[in-house]
Protein backbone atom coordinates (compact mmCIF):
# COMPACT_ATOMS: atom_id res chain seq x y z
CA MET A 1 -34.06 132.41 28.72
CA GLY A 2 -31.48 133.24 31.35
CA MET A 3 -28.22 131.49 32.07
CA PHE A 4 -29.61 129.65 35.11
CA ASP A 5 -32.58 128.42 33.10
CA LYS A 6 -30.26 127.06 30.42
CA MET A 7 -28.10 125.35 33.05
CA LYS A 8 -31.18 123.81 34.68
CA GLU A 9 -32.43 122.63 31.30
CA ALA A 10 -29.05 121.07 30.49
CA LYS A 11 -28.99 119.32 33.87
CA ASN A 12 -32.49 117.94 33.29
CA MET A 13 -31.53 116.74 29.83
CA TYR A 14 -28.42 115.03 31.21
CA SER A 15 -30.54 113.37 33.89
CA ASN A 16 -33.03 112.15 31.27
CA ILE A 17 -30.23 110.77 29.10
CA LYS A 18 -28.81 108.85 32.08
CA LYS A 19 -32.27 107.43 32.84
CA ALA A 20 -32.63 106.38 29.22
CA GLN A 21 -29.22 104.71 29.21
CA ASN A 22 -30.14 102.77 32.34
CA GLU A 23 -33.40 101.66 30.74
CA ILE A 24 -31.61 100.64 27.54
CA ASN A 25 -29.09 98.57 29.50
CA LYS A 26 -32.01 96.54 30.88
CA ILE A 27 -33.36 95.66 27.45
CA LYS A 28 -33.05 92.11 26.11
CA VAL A 29 -34.57 91.15 22.77
CA GLU A 30 -34.76 87.88 20.89
CA GLY A 31 -34.33 87.55 17.17
CA SER A 32 -35.10 84.37 15.30
CA SER A 33 -34.96 82.84 11.86
CA GLY A 34 -35.79 79.61 10.12
CA ALA A 35 -39.20 79.44 11.79
CA GLY A 36 -37.53 79.59 15.20
CA ALA A 37 -34.74 77.13 14.36
CA VAL A 38 -32.13 79.74 15.33
CA LYS A 39 -32.64 82.24 18.16
CA VAL A 40 -30.34 85.03 19.27
CA VAL A 41 -30.73 87.12 22.44
CA VAL A 42 -29.13 90.58 22.44
CA LYS A 43 -28.78 93.07 25.31
CA GLY A 44 -29.33 96.81 25.02
CA ASN A 45 -25.58 97.39 24.68
CA HIS A 46 -25.60 95.28 21.47
CA GLN A 47 -23.86 92.31 23.08
CA ILE A 48 -25.11 88.88 22.13
CA VAL A 49 -26.17 87.03 25.27
CA SER A 50 -27.07 83.67 23.79
CA ILE A 51 -27.56 81.73 20.60
CA SER A 52 -29.70 78.62 20.42
CA ILE A 53 -29.84 76.32 17.43
CA ASP A 54 -32.40 73.58 16.91
CA ASP A 55 -30.80 70.13 16.80
CA ASP A 56 -32.05 69.39 13.29
CA THR A 57 -30.79 72.71 11.92
CA HIS A 58 -27.07 72.06 12.24
CA LYS A 59 -27.32 68.62 10.63
CA GLY A 60 -28.21 70.14 7.30
CA ASN A 61 -26.37 72.46 4.98
CA LYS A 62 -23.73 74.60 6.71
CA LYS A 63 -24.54 77.56 4.45
CA ILE A 64 -28.19 77.49 5.52
CA LEU A 65 -27.16 77.52 9.20
CA GLU A 66 -24.86 80.47 8.56
CA ASP A 67 -27.68 82.31 6.80
CA TYR A 68 -30.04 81.57 9.71
CA LEU A 69 -27.49 82.92 12.19
CA VAL A 70 -27.06 86.15 10.24
CA ALA A 71 -30.81 86.55 9.84
CA ALA A 72 -31.48 85.92 13.55
CA CYS A 73 -28.78 88.43 14.57
CA ASN A 74 -30.19 91.03 12.18
CA ASP A 75 -33.70 90.38 13.47
CA ALA A 76 -32.53 90.90 17.06
CA MET A 77 -30.63 94.08 16.18
CA ASN A 78 -33.66 95.52 14.37
CA LYS A 79 -35.88 94.78 17.37
CA LEU A 80 -33.28 96.30 19.69
CA GLU A 81 -33.13 99.47 17.60
CA LYS A 82 -36.91 99.87 17.72
CA GLU A 83 -37.04 99.15 21.47
CA THR A 84 -34.19 101.59 22.11
CA LYS A 85 -35.91 104.38 20.20
CA ASP A 86 -39.14 103.70 22.06
CA LYS A 87 -37.39 103.80 25.46
CA MET A 88 -35.44 106.95 24.63
CA GLY A 89 -38.58 108.71 23.47
CA SER A 90 -40.60 107.79 26.55
CA VAL A 91 -37.85 108.60 29.05
CA MET A 92 -36.96 111.90 27.42
CA ASN A 93 -40.64 112.87 27.04
CA LEU A 94 -40.42 113.54 23.33
CA PRO A 95 -43.62 114.47 21.52
CA GLY A 96 -45.25 111.68 19.54
CA GLY A 97 -43.82 111.19 16.07
CA MET A 98 -40.57 113.01 16.84
CA LYS A 99 -37.64 110.97 15.60
CA LEU A 100 -34.33 110.66 17.36
CA PRO A 101 -31.12 111.15 15.42
CA PHE A 102 -29.96 107.53 15.91
């Protein structure tokens, strides 16, 4: 492979990474816990967009609410990780089953 081929390949890879980043920035996922009593929406850049808590949930035990919040955030982050890997794989045209290093 010549120098120009390597440069072209690097440019294509950079372009694919930029496309993937743009796709990831569009992602929004919702995590929930307590049978939907607590819901958390997270964007592709790992920023929490919103948290909603059922009215009856916060009237109970504070510790349970805290646990629900943690569980909903973790659920959203796990969904985001899966969605991110899926987007990166499809945009970068990786063969099926190939895992990304993140």
